N, C-alpha and C. Protein backbone atom coordinates (compact mmCIF):
# COMPACT_ATOMS: atom_id res chain seq x y z
N MET A 1 7.58 11.77 11.12
CA MET A 1 6.66 10.65 11.32
C MET A 1 5.17 11.12 11.33
N LYS A 2 4.35 10.42 10.65
CA LYS A 2 2.93 10.78 10.65
C LYS A 2 2.28 10.53 12.01
N THR A 3 1.16 11.18 12.25
CA THR A 3 0.36 10.93 13.34
C THR A 3 -0.89 10.24 12.94
N THR A 4 -1.24 9.14 13.54
CA THR A 4 -2.43 8.39 13.17
C THR A 4 -3.61 8.89 14.14
N ILE A 5 -4.82 8.73 13.56
CA ILE A 5 -6.01 9.11 14.39
C ILE A 5 -6.83 7.86 14.47
N ASP A 6 -7.24 7.53 15.63
CA ASP A 6 -8.29 6.49 16.00
C ASP A 6 -9.23 7.07 16.86
N ALA A 7 -10.38 7.50 16.48
CA ALA A 7 -11.35 8.20 17.43
C ALA A 7 -12.39 7.30 18.01
N HIS A 8 -12.75 7.70 19.24
CA HIS A 8 -13.81 7.01 19.90
C HIS A 8 -15.15 7.22 19.22
N GLY A 9 -16.15 6.35 19.25
CA GLY A 9 -17.41 6.60 18.64
C GLY A 9 -17.57 6.21 17.21
N VAL A 10 -16.50 5.65 16.62
CA VAL A 10 -16.53 5.07 15.29
C VAL A 10 -15.89 3.66 15.28
N TRP A 11 -16.20 2.89 14.36
CA TRP A 11 -15.70 1.51 14.28
C TRP A 11 -14.15 1.54 14.40
N SER A 12 -13.62 0.46 14.69
CA SER A 12 -12.14 0.48 15.08
C SER A 12 -11.43 -0.54 14.12
N PRO A 13 -10.18 -0.17 13.70
CA PRO A 13 -9.35 -0.98 12.84
C PRO A 13 -8.97 -2.28 13.68
N ARG A 14 -9.01 -2.29 15.00
CA ARG A 14 -8.77 -3.53 15.77
C ARG A 14 -7.53 -4.27 15.35
N GLY A 15 -6.47 -3.59 15.15
CA GLY A 15 -5.26 -4.21 14.87
C GLY A 15 -5.04 -4.84 13.40
N ARG A 16 -5.97 -4.40 12.57
CA ARG A 16 -5.94 -4.94 11.16
C ARG A 16 -4.86 -4.14 10.23
N GLY A 17 -4.02 -3.31 10.84
CA GLY A 17 -2.94 -2.74 10.05
C GLY A 17 -3.30 -1.56 9.23
N PHE A 18 -4.27 -0.70 9.72
CA PHE A 18 -4.55 0.53 9.16
C PHE A 18 -5.02 1.57 10.25
N ALA A 19 -5.02 2.69 9.97
CA ALA A 19 -5.40 3.80 10.84
C ALA A 19 -6.74 4.47 10.28
N MET A 20 -7.56 4.97 11.15
CA MET A 20 -8.87 5.62 10.73
C MET A 20 -8.50 6.89 10.04
N GLY A 21 -7.32 7.56 10.43
CA GLY A 21 -7.01 8.73 9.79
C GLY A 21 -5.46 9.02 9.96
N VAL A 22 -4.84 9.79 9.18
CA VAL A 22 -3.46 10.16 9.26
C VAL A 22 -3.34 11.71 9.10
N VAL A 23 -2.66 12.24 10.04
CA VAL A 23 -2.32 13.69 9.86
C VAL A 23 -1.01 13.71 9.00
N GLN A 24 -1.16 14.37 7.88
CA GLN A 24 -0.03 14.34 6.91
C GLN A 24 1.10 15.17 7.50
N PRO A 25 2.28 14.55 7.57
CA PRO A 25 3.48 15.30 8.09
C PRO A 25 4.10 16.17 7.04
N GLU A 26 5.06 17.00 7.52
CA GLU A 26 5.84 17.82 6.61
C GLU A 26 6.69 16.88 5.70
N GLY A 27 6.69 17.32 4.38
CA GLY A 27 7.65 16.60 3.48
C GLY A 27 7.13 16.60 2.06
N LYS A 28 7.61 15.79 1.25
CA LYS A 28 7.26 15.75 -0.21
C LYS A 28 6.24 14.57 -0.30
N VAL A 29 5.11 15.03 -0.92
CA VAL A 29 4.05 14.05 -1.08
C VAL A 29 4.26 13.22 -2.44
N ILE A 30 4.22 11.91 -2.40
CA ILE A 30 4.44 11.10 -3.48
C ILE A 30 3.08 10.39 -3.71
N HIS A 31 2.63 10.63 -4.95
CA HIS A 31 1.44 9.91 -5.51
C HIS A 31 1.95 8.83 -6.39
N PHE A 32 1.39 7.67 -6.35
CA PHE A 32 1.86 6.53 -7.07
C PHE A 32 0.89 6.23 -8.22
N THR A 33 1.38 5.67 -9.37
CA THR A 33 0.51 5.02 -10.27
C THR A 33 0.17 3.62 -9.58
N GLY A 34 -1.04 3.10 -9.88
CA GLY A 34 -1.32 1.91 -9.20
C GLY A 34 -0.24 0.77 -9.48
N GLN A 35 0.19 0.15 -8.41
CA GLN A 35 1.32 -0.82 -8.49
C GLN A 35 0.61 -2.19 -8.59
N VAL A 36 1.17 -2.96 -9.55
CA VAL A 36 0.62 -4.22 -9.81
C VAL A 36 1.76 -5.27 -9.78
N ALA A 37 1.56 -6.51 -10.20
CA ALA A 37 2.52 -7.61 -9.91
C ALA A 37 3.40 -7.80 -11.04
N TRP A 38 3.75 -6.79 -11.74
CA TRP A 38 4.82 -6.73 -12.79
C TRP A 38 6.19 -6.63 -12.13
N ASP A 39 7.19 -7.33 -12.69
CA ASP A 39 8.69 -7.10 -12.33
C ASP A 39 9.10 -6.03 -13.35
N GLU A 40 10.48 -5.81 -13.27
CA GLU A 40 10.95 -4.73 -14.09
C GLU A 40 10.90 -5.02 -15.64
N THR A 41 10.63 -6.24 -15.94
CA THR A 41 10.51 -6.60 -17.38
C THR A 41 9.02 -6.79 -17.75
N GLU A 42 8.16 -6.32 -16.95
CA GLU A 42 6.70 -6.49 -17.26
C GLU A 42 6.15 -7.83 -17.25
N GLN A 43 6.87 -8.81 -16.53
CA GLN A 43 6.35 -10.14 -16.32
C GLN A 43 5.53 -10.22 -15.09
N ILE A 44 4.52 -10.93 -15.13
CA ILE A 44 3.68 -11.04 -13.90
C ILE A 44 4.31 -11.96 -12.90
N VAL A 45 4.47 -11.53 -11.74
CA VAL A 45 5.05 -12.30 -10.63
C VAL A 45 3.79 -12.93 -9.87
N GLY A 46 3.84 -14.19 -9.58
CA GLY A 46 2.74 -14.82 -8.84
C GLY A 46 1.51 -14.97 -9.61
N GLU A 47 1.55 -15.35 -10.90
CA GLU A 47 0.24 -15.62 -11.58
C GLU A 47 -0.64 -16.47 -10.79
N GLY A 48 -1.85 -16.17 -10.57
CA GLY A 48 -2.87 -17.02 -9.89
C GLY A 48 -2.63 -16.96 -8.38
N ASP A 49 -1.71 -16.18 -7.82
CA ASP A 49 -1.35 -16.28 -6.40
C ASP A 49 -1.50 -14.78 -5.88
N VAL A 50 -2.70 -14.48 -5.25
CA VAL A 50 -2.83 -13.19 -4.74
C VAL A 50 -1.92 -12.68 -3.76
N ALA A 51 -1.42 -13.58 -2.87
CA ALA A 51 -0.47 -13.29 -1.81
C ALA A 51 0.82 -12.86 -2.55
N GLU A 52 1.37 -13.63 -3.49
CA GLU A 52 2.60 -13.26 -4.16
C GLU A 52 2.51 -12.05 -5.01
N GLN A 53 1.34 -11.74 -5.67
CA GLN A 53 1.14 -10.60 -6.32
C GLN A 53 1.18 -9.37 -5.41
N THR A 54 0.61 -9.47 -4.26
CA THR A 54 0.51 -8.32 -3.34
C THR A 54 1.95 -8.11 -2.88
N ARG A 55 2.70 -9.11 -2.55
CA ARG A 55 4.11 -8.93 -2.19
C ARG A 55 4.92 -8.11 -3.28
N GLN A 56 4.66 -8.47 -4.68
CA GLN A 56 5.34 -7.85 -5.68
C GLN A 56 4.88 -6.36 -5.66
N CYS A 57 3.63 -6.19 -5.55
CA CYS A 57 3.10 -4.74 -5.42
C CYS A 57 3.92 -3.98 -4.40
N PHE A 58 4.11 -4.48 -3.10
CA PHE A 58 4.80 -3.84 -2.14
C PHE A 58 6.27 -3.68 -2.45
N ARG A 59 6.90 -4.67 -3.13
CA ARG A 59 8.32 -4.59 -3.52
C ARG A 59 8.45 -3.41 -4.57
N ASN A 60 7.57 -3.18 -5.41
CA ASN A 60 7.51 -2.17 -6.41
C ASN A 60 7.43 -0.86 -5.66
N ILE A 61 6.49 -0.79 -4.70
CA ILE A 61 6.29 0.42 -3.87
C ILE A 61 7.56 0.76 -3.13
N GLU A 62 8.23 -0.23 -2.55
CA GLU A 62 9.53 0.04 -1.84
C GLU A 62 10.55 0.56 -2.79
N ARG A 63 10.60 0.06 -3.96
CA ARG A 63 11.63 0.55 -4.91
C ARG A 63 11.43 2.03 -5.39
N VAL A 64 10.10 2.36 -5.62
CA VAL A 64 9.87 3.62 -5.98
C VAL A 64 10.12 4.73 -4.80
N LEU A 65 9.75 4.24 -3.59
CA LEU A 65 10.12 5.13 -2.52
C LEU A 65 11.62 5.23 -2.27
N ALA A 66 12.33 4.17 -2.33
CA ALA A 66 13.70 4.23 -2.14
C ALA A 66 14.46 5.14 -3.12
N ALA A 67 13.84 5.29 -4.36
CA ALA A 67 14.40 6.20 -5.36
C ALA A 67 14.37 7.76 -4.92
N VAL A 68 13.47 8.00 -4.05
CA VAL A 68 13.32 9.29 -3.51
C VAL A 68 13.70 9.45 -1.98
N GLY A 69 14.34 8.42 -1.41
CA GLY A 69 14.65 8.54 -0.04
C GLY A 69 13.64 7.98 0.95
N GLY A 70 12.55 7.44 0.36
CA GLY A 70 11.46 7.09 1.24
C GLY A 70 11.50 5.67 1.63
N ARG A 71 10.65 5.32 2.62
CA ARG A 71 10.46 4.06 3.14
C ARG A 71 8.88 3.66 3.17
N LEU A 72 8.68 2.36 3.44
CA LEU A 72 7.18 2.03 3.53
C LEU A 72 6.58 2.78 4.67
N ASP A 73 7.22 3.06 5.71
CA ASP A 73 6.62 3.76 6.85
C ASP A 73 6.21 5.14 6.57
N ASP A 74 6.62 5.65 5.35
CA ASP A 74 6.15 6.93 4.90
C ASP A 74 4.81 6.94 4.23
N LEU A 75 4.21 5.79 4.02
CA LEU A 75 2.91 5.78 3.41
C LEU A 75 1.91 6.31 4.40
N VAL A 76 1.00 7.16 3.78
CA VAL A 76 -0.10 7.73 4.58
C VAL A 76 -1.39 7.26 4.18
N ALA A 77 -1.44 6.60 3.02
CA ALA A 77 -2.74 6.00 2.47
C ALA A 77 -2.48 4.87 1.45
N VAL A 78 -3.26 3.85 1.49
CA VAL A 78 -3.10 2.86 0.49
C VAL A 78 -4.64 2.41 0.08
N THR A 79 -4.79 2.50 -1.25
CA THR A 79 -6.06 2.03 -1.84
C THR A 79 -5.74 0.62 -2.49
N THR A 80 -6.50 -0.35 -2.11
CA THR A 80 -6.34 -1.67 -2.61
C THR A 80 -7.51 -2.05 -3.51
N TYR A 81 -7.30 -2.33 -4.72
CA TYR A 81 -8.23 -2.91 -5.69
C TYR A 81 -8.04 -4.50 -5.74
N TYR A 82 -8.97 -5.18 -5.64
CA TYR A 82 -8.94 -6.64 -5.78
C TYR A 82 -10.11 -7.21 -6.45
N THR A 83 -9.98 -8.39 -6.91
CA THR A 83 -11.01 -8.95 -7.84
C THR A 83 -11.83 -10.06 -7.19
N ASP A 84 -11.54 -10.48 -6.00
CA ASP A 84 -12.23 -11.54 -5.44
C ASP A 84 -12.25 -11.41 -3.94
N ARG A 85 -13.50 -11.15 -3.35
CA ARG A 85 -13.65 -10.88 -1.95
C ARG A 85 -12.96 -12.00 -1.05
N SER A 86 -12.98 -13.20 -1.49
CA SER A 86 -12.29 -14.33 -0.66
C SER A 86 -10.88 -14.12 -0.45
N GLN A 87 -10.30 -13.34 -1.41
CA GLN A 87 -8.75 -13.20 -1.23
C GLN A 87 -8.37 -12.04 -0.46
N LEU A 88 -9.32 -11.18 0.10
CA LEU A 88 -9.02 -10.02 0.97
C LEU A 88 -8.21 -10.39 2.15
N PRO A 89 -8.48 -11.47 2.90
CA PRO A 89 -7.64 -11.84 4.10
C PRO A 89 -6.24 -12.13 3.66
N LEU A 90 -5.97 -12.75 2.52
CA LEU A 90 -4.59 -13.04 2.17
C LEU A 90 -3.91 -11.69 1.84
N ILE A 91 -4.63 -10.74 1.20
CA ILE A 91 -4.00 -9.48 0.94
C ILE A 91 -3.70 -8.75 2.16
N GLN A 92 -4.50 -8.82 3.17
CA GLN A 92 -4.27 -8.21 4.46
C GLN A 92 -3.15 -8.77 5.21
N GLN A 93 -3.04 -10.21 5.06
CA GLN A 93 -1.92 -10.86 5.75
C GLN A 93 -0.58 -10.36 5.20
N VAL A 94 -0.47 -10.23 3.83
CA VAL A 94 0.72 -9.81 3.23
C VAL A 94 0.98 -8.27 3.58
N ARG A 95 -0.03 -7.54 3.60
CA ARG A 95 0.13 -6.08 3.98
C ARG A 95 0.78 -6.05 5.41
N ALA A 96 0.34 -6.96 6.28
CA ALA A 96 0.99 -6.92 7.59
C ALA A 96 2.49 -7.32 7.54
N GLU A 97 2.93 -8.11 6.58
CA GLU A 97 4.27 -8.47 6.43
C GLU A 97 5.08 -7.07 6.10
N PHE A 98 4.55 -6.21 5.50
CA PHE A 98 5.29 -5.10 4.92
C PHE A 98 5.10 -3.78 5.81
N LEU A 99 3.89 -3.69 6.45
CA LEU A 99 3.57 -2.44 7.27
C LEU A 99 3.41 -2.56 8.68
N ASP A 100 4.02 -1.65 9.39
CA ASP A 100 3.92 -1.75 10.88
C ASP A 100 2.52 -1.16 11.33
N ALA A 101 1.80 -2.13 12.01
CA ALA A 101 0.48 -1.76 12.53
C ALA A 101 0.43 -0.53 13.44
N ASN A 102 1.58 -0.30 14.17
CA ASN A 102 1.74 0.92 14.97
C ASN A 102 1.94 2.20 14.19
N ASN A 103 2.25 2.10 13.03
CA ASN A 103 2.53 3.32 12.14
C ASN A 103 1.85 3.19 10.84
N ALA A 104 0.57 2.60 10.82
CA ALA A 104 -0.10 2.27 9.63
C ALA A 104 -0.74 3.48 8.90
N PRO A 105 -0.74 3.19 7.55
CA PRO A 105 -1.53 4.31 6.75
C PRO A 105 -2.95 3.99 6.79
N THR A 106 -3.71 4.97 6.23
CA THR A 106 -5.09 4.73 6.03
C THR A 106 -5.26 3.73 4.96
N SER A 107 -6.52 3.12 4.84
CA SER A 107 -6.76 2.01 3.89
C SER A 107 -8.16 2.15 3.37
N THR A 108 -8.21 1.90 2.09
CA THR A 108 -9.49 1.75 1.38
C THR A 108 -9.38 0.51 0.52
N SER A 109 -10.30 -0.34 0.58
CA SER A 109 -10.29 -1.62 -0.25
C SER A 109 -11.55 -1.57 -1.17
N ILE A 110 -11.32 -1.80 -2.41
CA ILE A 110 -12.47 -1.83 -3.38
C ILE A 110 -12.39 -3.05 -4.27
N MET A 111 -13.42 -3.87 -4.17
CA MET A 111 -13.59 -5.04 -5.11
C MET A 111 -13.93 -4.50 -6.45
N VAL A 112 -13.29 -4.98 -7.50
CA VAL A 112 -13.54 -4.57 -8.84
C VAL A 112 -13.82 -5.77 -9.84
N ALA A 113 -14.44 -5.60 -10.91
CA ALA A 113 -14.76 -6.68 -11.82
C ALA A 113 -13.46 -7.14 -12.46
N GLY A 114 -12.53 -6.23 -12.65
CA GLY A 114 -11.29 -6.62 -13.33
C GLY A 114 -10.25 -5.45 -13.19
N LEU A 115 -8.94 -5.87 -13.49
CA LEU A 115 -7.93 -4.87 -13.49
C LEU A 115 -7.34 -4.69 -14.80
N GLY A 116 -6.20 -4.04 -14.97
CA GLY A 116 -5.70 -3.73 -16.22
C GLY A 116 -5.20 -4.84 -17.12
N HIS A 117 -4.95 -6.01 -16.55
CA HIS A 117 -4.62 -7.24 -17.20
C HIS A 117 -5.38 -8.45 -16.62
N GLU A 118 -5.82 -9.20 -17.47
CA GLU A 118 -6.68 -10.36 -16.94
C GLU A 118 -6.12 -11.26 -15.85
N ASP A 119 -4.67 -11.29 -15.71
CA ASP A 119 -4.06 -12.20 -14.73
C ASP A 119 -3.72 -11.28 -13.40
N PHE A 120 -3.96 -9.90 -13.40
CA PHE A 120 -3.80 -9.17 -12.18
C PHE A 120 -4.86 -9.49 -11.22
N LEU A 121 -4.64 -9.70 -10.03
CA LEU A 121 -5.56 -10.06 -8.88
C LEU A 121 -5.73 -9.00 -7.94
N VAL A 122 -4.72 -8.03 -7.93
CA VAL A 122 -4.65 -6.99 -6.95
C VAL A 122 -3.90 -5.84 -7.46
N GLU A 123 -4.30 -4.64 -7.03
CA GLU A 123 -3.56 -3.42 -7.46
C GLU A 123 -3.52 -2.46 -6.27
N LEU A 124 -2.32 -1.82 -5.86
CA LEU A 124 -2.24 -0.96 -4.73
C LEU A 124 -1.87 0.44 -5.21
N ALA A 125 -2.65 1.40 -4.78
CA ALA A 125 -2.36 2.88 -5.10
C ALA A 125 -2.12 3.60 -3.87
N PRO A 126 -0.91 3.76 -3.53
CA PRO A 126 -0.50 4.39 -2.36
C PRO A 126 -0.17 5.83 -2.40
N ILE A 127 -0.14 6.55 -1.39
CA ILE A 127 0.42 8.01 -1.23
C ILE A 127 1.24 7.96 0.01
N ALA A 128 2.40 8.58 -0.28
CA ALA A 128 3.42 8.72 0.82
C ALA A 128 3.91 10.09 1.01
N VAL A 129 4.43 10.40 2.13
CA VAL A 129 5.03 11.65 2.43
C VAL A 129 6.39 11.40 2.97
N VAL A 130 7.41 11.83 2.13
CA VAL A 130 8.82 11.54 2.50
C VAL A 130 9.41 12.83 3.20
N PRO A 131 9.98 12.78 4.47
CA PRO A 131 10.43 13.84 5.07
C PRO A 131 11.56 14.65 4.27
N GLU A 132 11.56 15.93 4.39
CA GLU A 132 12.43 16.70 3.56
C GLU A 132 13.98 16.23 3.81
N ASP A 133 14.28 15.86 5.09
CA ASP A 133 15.62 15.56 5.37
C ASP A 133 16.16 14.22 4.73
N ARG A 134 15.18 13.45 4.26
CA ARG A 134 15.55 12.24 3.56
C ARG A 134 15.24 12.26 2.09
N PHE A 135 14.47 13.20 1.61
CA PHE A 135 14.02 13.29 0.31
C PHE A 135 15.27 13.45 -0.62
N ILE A 136 15.25 12.62 -1.77
CA ILE A 136 16.13 12.68 -2.86
C ILE A 136 15.47 13.10 -4.07
N THR A 137 15.90 14.22 -4.66
CA THR A 137 15.30 14.64 -5.89
C THR A 137 15.55 13.66 -7.05
N PRO A 138 14.45 13.08 -7.65
CA PRO A 138 14.71 12.17 -8.81
C PRO A 138 15.36 12.85 -9.97
């Protein structure tokens, strides 16, 4: 399990579901391609709905992690790219559905002019560390 860092003298996540830092645990580091709201047939899930698109991103992340014996609590960092500042609270609400605030990864959120498809509203680029005893070689 990772160790999170929240230091005095810097701003605080205040329960927003991320840590200020994470000490990377032992295990296999998994770097992801940015996950978008495509299903397995490359159909967009939740067109026009940032919350549903975010859920699909997390479902995709879960599936990739499961393929190597990982779980969402193995995430050590998530970078979120989004296209509309007003949608960030919805993205954060969905994130809280999937991630335990007491074992949260670090988080970076970046508003962008657009993503790889005109209908994508959000893209998540995580990094995970799967413990050796659970890791399954793909």
